Amino acid sequence: MKRIRALTFATYYLLIIAVAIFGARMLVIFLNLTSCGGKTLAHLLFLPLLLHPQLFRNSRNSHMKFREYSNGKIIAYVLNMDKATARLKDVMTGISRLGLPFERISAIDGSLLSKKYIESIADMETYKKYFRMLPEVGTIGCALSHEKAWRKFLESDNEFAVIFEDDACFAPHELYETINSLVRKKNLWDVVGFELNHHGHPLKIASLPNGKFLAAYLTDVRHASCYLINRSAARKLLEKFYPIKMPVDHYYTAFWEFNFKFAGVEPRIVKQKSQPSQIKSSSDLVLKSTICAANVIYKIQRAVLQLMYGFFYFLLGNSYGEE
């Protein structure tokens, strides 16, 4: 196992060095840099790739203490705005059939948050650098709603939580059998995404009922409409939550930052309903600059870390064997 770990990280560092050199040379060609100073600057722009990206600072609430694991109980939390009664009725039709205790979390309506408050909890400059846009109020409200659910979970005596947004669509029996199987394989994961977008290039870690399998991902996957989480992962997500630097689905899937195991279920068993978004608000927030080095470097860093840590997780997961 130690040899696999050493080989994986050696490959990781060789790969990021190659990406840094290739990226710098492409930048030189793209910008037609001919001077020695210009070429040096282009290479310096990719220097952060050689370091582990410290994207998050510790939360102002990192001193909080929570209860430890108890008796393995599991609970469902449903994120729902007070005004979205129709959405709640739709999603509860499925959740009520899962046989799990559940609790509604009154989701944060970002449109009711003041600009001053948002600026006090979000790192606006870093957000702009990474995403070339200002955070939408709905995106901030969504992130705060998930944080609220994580805190509620850790204040309970439950070992696992399934967190639903109110636009999740699923077959209750299929999800029930999958959750039961995952709880029996709890050493293989910390967070399992049931509703994800992008292909992700999944690698099988373990078999699940109905022809499904637990998967590690080599490329980016996102979305947070439905996922299973344990207490350890929830605690780690809360410790670095503030200041908000990205949408919550970018945040909780950056598992290399938190040293936890993020997986998904393939083929996917939860979908997001097609209905008007409560997050998207205005395209005017998108910045019109043509190129941003910080944005490019962030994307490359994330892609390289996802690939290498995803592959290492795959090797680690398979070393346990099927249960």
Protein backbone atom coordinates (compact mmCIF):
# COMPACT_ATOMS: atom_id res chain seq x y z
CA MET A 1 0.00 0.00 0.00
CA LYS A 2 2.86 2.38 0.82
CA ARG A 3 4.38 1.68 -2.60
CA ILE A 4 1.08 2.48 -4.31
CA ARG A 5 0.82 5.74 -2.36
CA ALA A 6 4.41 6.73 -3.23
CA LEU A 7 3.97 5.85 -6.90
CA THR A 8 0.69 7.75 -7.13
CA PHE A 9 2.09 10.95 -5.65
CA ALA A 10 5.32 10.69 -7.65
CA THR A 11 3.19 10.44 -10.80
CA TYR A 12 1.09 13.37 -9.57
CA TYR A 13 4.09 15.68 -9.16
CA LEU A 14 5.62 14.64 -12.48
CA LEU A 15 2.29 15.35 -14.17
CA ILE A 16 1.83 18.81 -12.69
CA ILE A 17 5.42 19.72 -13.63
CA ALA A 18 4.69 18.63 -17.20
CA VAL A 19 1.41 20.56 -17.24
CA ALA A 20 3.13 23.67 -15.86
CA ILE A 21 5.87 23.57 -18.52
CA PHE A 22 3.43 22.85 -21.35
CA GLY A 23 1.01 25.54 -20.17
CA ALA A 24 3.75 28.14 -19.93
CA ARG A 25 4.97 27.36 -23.44
CA MET A 26 1.45 27.58 -24.84
CA LEU A 27 1.01 30.94 -23.11
CA VAL A 28 4.26 32.19 -24.68
CA ILE A 29 3.02 31.14 -28.12
CA PHE A 30 -0.49 32.51 -27.59
CA LEU A 31 0.74 35.92 -26.42
CA ASN A 32 3.70 35.92 -28.86
CA LEU A 33 6.20 36.63 -26.09
CA THR A 34 9.73 36.98 -27.42
CA SER A 35 11.65 38.71 -24.62
CA CYS A 36 13.39 36.78 -21.88
CA GLY A 37 11.41 38.66 -19.23
CA GLY A 38 8.10 37.80 -20.88
CA LYS A 39 8.93 34.11 -21.10
CA THR A 40 10.04 34.09 -17.46
CA LEU A 41 6.79 35.74 -16.38
CA ALA A 42 4.76 33.15 -18.32
CA HIS A 43 6.51 30.34 -16.46
CA LEU A 44 6.04 32.09 -13.12
CA LEU A 45 2.26 32.22 -13.73
CA PHE A 46 2.20 28.42 -13.65
CA LEU A 47 4.41 28.13 -10.56
CA PRO A 48 1.35 27.71 -8.24
CA LEU A 49 0.67 24.36 -9.94
CA LEU A 50 3.72 22.98 -8.17
CA LEU A 51 2.15 23.69 -4.81
CA HIS A 52 -0.96 22.19 -3.26
CA PRO A 53 -3.63 24.90 -3.73
CA GLN A 54 -4.70 26.31 -0.39
CA LEU A 55 -8.12 27.41 -1.58
CA PHE A 56 -9.84 27.68 1.76
CA ARG A 57 -9.13 29.39 5.04
CA ASN A 58 -10.29 28.01 8.38
CA SER A 59 -13.79 28.96 9.44
CA ARG A 60 -14.42 31.49 12.16
CA ASN A 61 -16.51 28.68 13.73
CA SER A 62 -13.80 26.00 13.65
CA HIS A 63 -13.70 25.90 17.46
CA MET A 64 -17.20 24.40 17.66
CA LYS A 65 -17.45 20.90 19.18
CA PHE A 66 -19.91 18.28 17.99
CA ARG A 67 -21.05 14.92 19.28
CA GLU A 68 -19.17 11.85 18.17
CA TYR A 69 -20.54 8.90 16.23
CA SER A 70 -23.32 7.18 18.11
CA ASN A 71 -25.41 4.23 17.01
CA GLY A 72 -25.23 4.44 13.22
CA LYS A 73 -28.59 6.13 12.76
CA ILE A 74 -29.40 7.91 9.51
CA ILE A 75 -31.62 10.91 8.81
CA ALA A 76 -32.81 12.81 5.73
CA TYR A 77 -32.75 16.61 5.50
CA VAL A 78 -34.79 18.47 2.90
CA LEU A 79 -33.66 21.97 1.88
CA ASN A 80 -36.73 23.99 1.00
CA MET A 81 -37.55 27.71 0.93
CA ASP A 82 -40.61 28.72 2.91
CA LYS A 83 -42.31 30.04 -0.21
CA ALA A 84 -41.67 26.87 -2.27
CA THR A 85 -44.58 24.79 -0.95
CA ALA A 86 -45.23 23.02 -4.27
CA ARG A 87 -41.61 21.85 -4.49
CA LEU A 88 -41.77 20.48 -0.95
CA LYS A 89 -44.93 18.53 -1.69
CA ASP A 90 -43.36 16.97 -4.81
CA VAL A 91 -40.11 15.85 -3.20
CA MET A 92 -41.76 14.57 -0.02
CA THR A 93 -43.76 12.08 -2.09
CA GLY A 94 -40.52 10.15 -2.61
CA ILE A 95 -38.77 10.90 0.68
CA SER A 96 -41.70 9.70 2.78
CA ARG A 97 -41.38 6.27 1.12
CA LEU A 98 -37.69 5.82 2.03
CA GLY A 99 -38.51 4.79 5.59
CA LEU A 100 -36.04 7.35 6.99
CA PRO A 101 -36.74 9.97 9.65
CA PHE A 102 -36.62 13.33 7.93
CA GLU A 103 -36.51 16.99 8.78
CA ARG A 104 -37.20 20.04 6.67
CA ILE A 105 -34.51 22.72 6.68
CA SER A 106 -35.81 26.20 5.96
CA ALA A 107 -33.49 27.12 3.09
CA ILE A 108 -31.89 30.56 2.89
CA ASP A 109 -33.42 32.88 0.30
CA GLY A 110 -30.37 34.67 -1.08
CA SER A 111 -32.48 37.51 -2.49
CA LEU A 112 -33.28 38.56 1.09
CA LEU A 113 -29.62 38.89 2.09
CA SER A 114 -28.10 42.36 2.12
CA LYS A 115 -25.10 43.18 -0.06
CA LYS A 116 -23.16 44.14 3.06
CA TYR A 117 -23.83 40.76 4.69
CA ILE A 118 -22.85 38.83 1.57
CA GLU A 119 -19.60 40.77 1.31
CA SER A 120 -18.88 39.95 4.99
CA ILE A 121 -19.13 36.18 4.47
CA ALA A 122 -17.81 35.82 0.90
CA ASP A 123 -14.32 36.39 -0.48
CA MET A 124 -15.44 38.47 -3.46
CA GLU A 125 -11.98 38.96 -4.97
CA THR A 126 -11.08 35.27 -4.94
CA TYR A 127 -14.53 34.37 -6.31
CA LYS A 128 -14.00 36.77 -9.22
CA LYS A 129 -10.53 35.37 -9.92
CA TYR A 130 -11.67 31.75 -9.92
CA PHE A 131 -14.96 32.16 -11.79
CA ARG A 132 -14.72 35.50 -13.62
CA MET A 133 -18.04 36.55 -12.13
CA LEU A 134 -19.55 37.86 -8.93
CA PRO A 135 -21.44 35.37 -6.74
CA GLU A 136 -25.17 35.32 -7.36
CA VAL A 137 -27.35 35.87 -4.31
CA GLY A 138 -29.06 32.53 -4.96
CA THR A 139 -25.68 30.77 -5.01
CA ILE A 140 -24.82 32.26 -1.62
CA GLY A 141 -28.23 31.29 -0.24
CA CYS A 142 -27.77 27.73 -1.52
CA ALA A 143 -24.34 27.41 0.12
CA LEU A 144 -25.68 28.74 3.44
CA SER A 145 -28.59 26.27 3.27
CA HIS A 146 -26.23 23.31 2.94
CA GLU A 147 -24.09 24.68 5.78
CA LYS A 148 -27.24 24.89 7.89
CA ALA A 149 -28.02 21.23 7.16
CA TRP A 150 -24.45 20.12 8.05
CA ARG A 151 -24.67 21.92 11.39
CA LYS A 152 -28.09 20.45 12.14
CA PHE A 153 -26.73 17.00 11.32
CA LEU A 154 -23.73 17.36 13.65
CA GLU A 155 -25.96 18.62 16.46
CA SER A 156 -27.94 15.36 16.21
CA ASP A 157 -26.85 11.86 17.24
CA ASN A 158 -27.08 10.49 13.69
CA GLU A 159 -24.08 8.91 12.01
CA PHE A 160 -25.21 9.56 8.42
CA ALA A 161 -27.39 12.09 6.65
CA VAL A 162 -28.98 12.17 3.21
CA ILE A 163 -29.33 15.78 2.10
CA PHE A 164 -31.93 16.61 -0.52
CA GLU A 165 -32.62 19.81 -2.37
CA ASP A 166 -36.31 20.10 -3.16
CA ASP A 167 -35.86 19.55 -6.91
CA ALA A 168 -34.44 16.02 -6.55
CA CYS A 169 -36.26 13.30 -8.49
CA PHE A 170 -35.68 9.59 -7.77
CA ALA A 171 -37.19 6.11 -7.48
CA PRO A 172 -37.62 5.54 -3.69
CA HIS A 173 -37.08 1.77 -3.71
CA GLU A 174 -33.87 2.05 -5.76
CA LEU A 175 -32.47 4.82 -3.57
CA TYR A 176 -33.45 2.93 -0.41
CA GLU A 177 -31.57 -0.22 -1.48
CA THR A 178 -28.53 1.84 -2.53
CA ILE A 179 -28.35 3.69 0.79
CA ASN A 180 -28.62 0.44 2.75
CA SER A 181 -25.78 -1.06 0.76
CA LEU A 182 -23.61 2.04 1.18
CA VAL A 183 -24.07 2.06 4.94
CA ARG A 184 -22.73 -1.52 5.01
CA LYS A 185 -19.71 -0.32 2.99
CA LYS A 186 -19.16 2.81 5.08
CA ASN A 187 -15.37 2.38 5.19
CA LEU A 188 -15.21 3.05 1.42
CA TRP A 189 -16.64 6.59 1.39
CA ASP A 190 -17.25 9.81 3.31
CA VAL A 191 -19.55 11.55 0.82
CA VAL A 192 -21.56 9.90 -1.98
CA GLY A 193 -23.17 12.10 -4.63
CA PHE A 194 -26.40 10.68 -6.03
CA GLU A 195 -27.14 13.57 -8.42
CA LEU A 196 -24.11 14.75 -10.40
CA ASN A 197 -23.48 16.34 -13.76
CA HIS A 198 -20.60 15.78 -16.20
CA HIS A 199 -19.29 12.34 -17.10
CA GLY A 200 -16.49 12.28 -14.53
CA HIS A 201 -14.80 9.19 -16.07
CA PRO A 202 -15.87 6.88 -13.22
CA LEU A 203 -13.78 3.97 -11.92
CA LYS A 204 -15.55 1.15 -10.06
CA ILE A 205 -14.77 0.73 -6.38
CA ALA A 206 -17.55 -1.62 -5.25
CA SER A 207 -20.76 -3.23 -6.51
CA LEU A 208 -24.18 -1.95 -5.42
CA PRO A 209 -27.70 -3.37 -5.89
CA ASN A 210 -29.60 -3.22 -9.20
CA GLY A 211 -26.46 -3.26 -11.35
CA LYS A 212 -25.09 -0.03 -9.86
CA PHE A 213 -21.59 0.58 -8.54
CA LEU A 214 -19.73 2.94 -6.24
CA ALA A 215 -17.37 5.07 -8.33
CA ALA A 216 -14.33 7.30 -7.95
CA TYR A 217 -14.02 10.09 -10.54
CA LEU A 218 -11.00 11.19 -12.57
CA THR A 219 -12.55 14.42 -13.86
CA ASP A 220 -14.84 17.04 -12.40
CA VAL A 221 -18.38 16.24 -11.31
CA ARG A 222 -20.72 18.66 -9.54
CA HIS A 223 -24.27 19.32 -8.29
CA ALA A 224 -25.66 18.87 -4.81
CA SER A 225 -29.34 17.96 -5.18
CA CYS A 226 -28.88 14.72 -3.27
CA TYR A 227 -25.93 13.21 -1.43
CA LEU A 228 -25.08 10.96 1.51
CA ILE A 229 -22.58 12.24 4.07
CA ASN A 230 -20.99 11.05 7.31
CA ARG A 231 -20.11 13.11 10.37
CA SER A 232 -16.39 13.31 9.66
CA ALA A 233 -16.93 14.88 6.21
CA ALA A 234 -19.57 17.29 7.50
CA ARG A 235 -17.20 18.48 10.21
CA LYS A 236 -14.38 19.05 7.72
CA LEU A 237 -16.65 20.96 5.34
CA LEU A 238 -17.73 23.27 8.14
CA GLU A 239 -14.20 23.96 9.32
CA LYS A 240 -13.23 25.65 6.03
CA PHE A 241 -16.61 26.94 4.91
CA TYR A 242 -15.90 30.65 5.50
CA PRO A 243 -15.21 32.84 3.65
CA ILE A 244 -17.30 31.52 0.74
CA LYS A 245 -15.14 31.35 -2.39
CA MET A 246 -17.18 29.16 -4.72
CA PRO A 247 -20.60 27.54 -5.23
CA VAL A 248 -21.33 24.74 -2.78
CA ASP A 249 -21.23 22.02 -5.46
CA HIS A 250 -17.66 23.07 -6.34
CA TYR A 251 -16.81 23.18 -2.64
CA TYR A 252 -18.00 19.81 -1.33
CA THR A 253 -16.63 17.91 -4.36
CA ALA A 254 -13.08 19.27 -3.81
CA PHE A 255 -12.32 16.25 -1.63
CA TRP A 256 -8.53 16.61 -1.91
CA GLU A 257 -8.79 19.79 0.15
CA PHE A 258 -10.48 17.99 3.04
CA ASN A 259 -8.81 14.58 2.94
CA PHE A 260 -12.05 12.67 2.62
CA LYS A 261 -13.35 10.09 0.16
CA PHE A 262 -15.85 11.45 -2.37
CA ALA A 263 -17.67 8.95 -4.56
CA GLY A 264 -20.77 8.67 -6.72
CA VAL A 265 -23.24 6.02 -7.82
CA GLU A 266 -23.16 4.85 -11.43
CA PRO A 267 -25.38 4.74 -13.39
CA ARG A 268 -26.85 7.72 -11.59
CA ILE A 269 -30.07 7.26 -9.66
CA VAL A 270 -31.19 10.81 -8.84
CA LYS A 271 -32.02 13.56 -11.31
CA GLN A 272 -32.67 17.27 -10.93
CA LYS A 273 -36.17 18.24 -12.01
CA SER A 274 -36.43 20.58 -14.97
CA GLN A 275 -38.04 23.68 -13.47
CA PRO A 276 -37.25 27.39 -13.00
CA SER A 277 -34.04 27.86 -11.00
CA GLN A 278 -34.16 29.50 -7.58
CA ILE A 279 -30.42 30.28 -7.82
CA LYS A 280 -29.76 31.87 -11.21
CA SER A 281 -30.51 35.57 -11.22
CA SER A 282 -28.57 37.73 -13.68
CA SER A 283 -26.02 37.32 -16.44
CA ASP A 284 -24.79 40.85 -15.66
CA LEU A 285 -22.62 39.38 -12.91
CA VAL A 286 -20.32 37.74 -15.47
CA LEU A 287 -17.12 39.71 -15.96
CA LYS A 288 -16.26 40.66 -19.53
CA SER A 289 -12.46 40.37 -19.36
CA THR A 290 -10.93 38.30 -22.15
CA ILE A 291 -8.40 36.33 -20.10
CA CYS A 292 -7.65 35.84 -16.42
CA ALA A 293 -4.50 33.96 -15.42
CA ALA A 294 -5.90 33.13 -11.95
CA ASN A 295 -8.98 31.55 -13.54
CA VAL A 296 -6.87 29.43 -15.91
CA ILE A 297 -4.52 28.31 -13.13
CA TYR A 298 -7.46 27.44 -10.84
CA LYS A 299 -9.04 25.25 -13.54
CA ILE A 300 -5.77 23.47 -14.28
CA GLN A 301 -5.04 22.91 -10.59
CA ARG A 302 -8.49 21.49 -10.01
CA ALA A 303 -8.29 19.18 -13.03
CA VAL A 304 -4.87 17.81 -12.06
CA LEU A 305 -5.79 17.30 -8.41
CA GLN A 306 -9.09 15.64 -9.33
CA LEU A 307 -7.30 13.24 -11.67
CA MET A 308 -4.54 12.21 -9.29
CA TYR A 309 -6.53 12.09 -6.06
CA GLY A 310 -9.41 10.35 -7.83
CA PHE A 311 -7.05 7.68 -9.13
CA PHE A 312 -5.44 7.26 -5.71
CA TYR A 313 -8.90 6.90 -4.13
CA PHE A 314 -9.72 4.22 -6.71
CA LEU A 315 -6.57 2.28 -5.77
CA LEU A 316 -7.25 2.72 -2.07
CA GLY A 317 -10.89 1.65 -2.42
CA ASN A 318 -9.98 -1.49 -4.33
CA SER A 319 -7.36 -2.43 -1.76
CA TYR A 320 -10.20 -2.99 0.75
CA GLY A 321 -11.94 -5.41 -1.59
CA GLU A 322 -15.67 -6.01 -1.87
CA GLU A 323 -17.53 -6.57 1.35
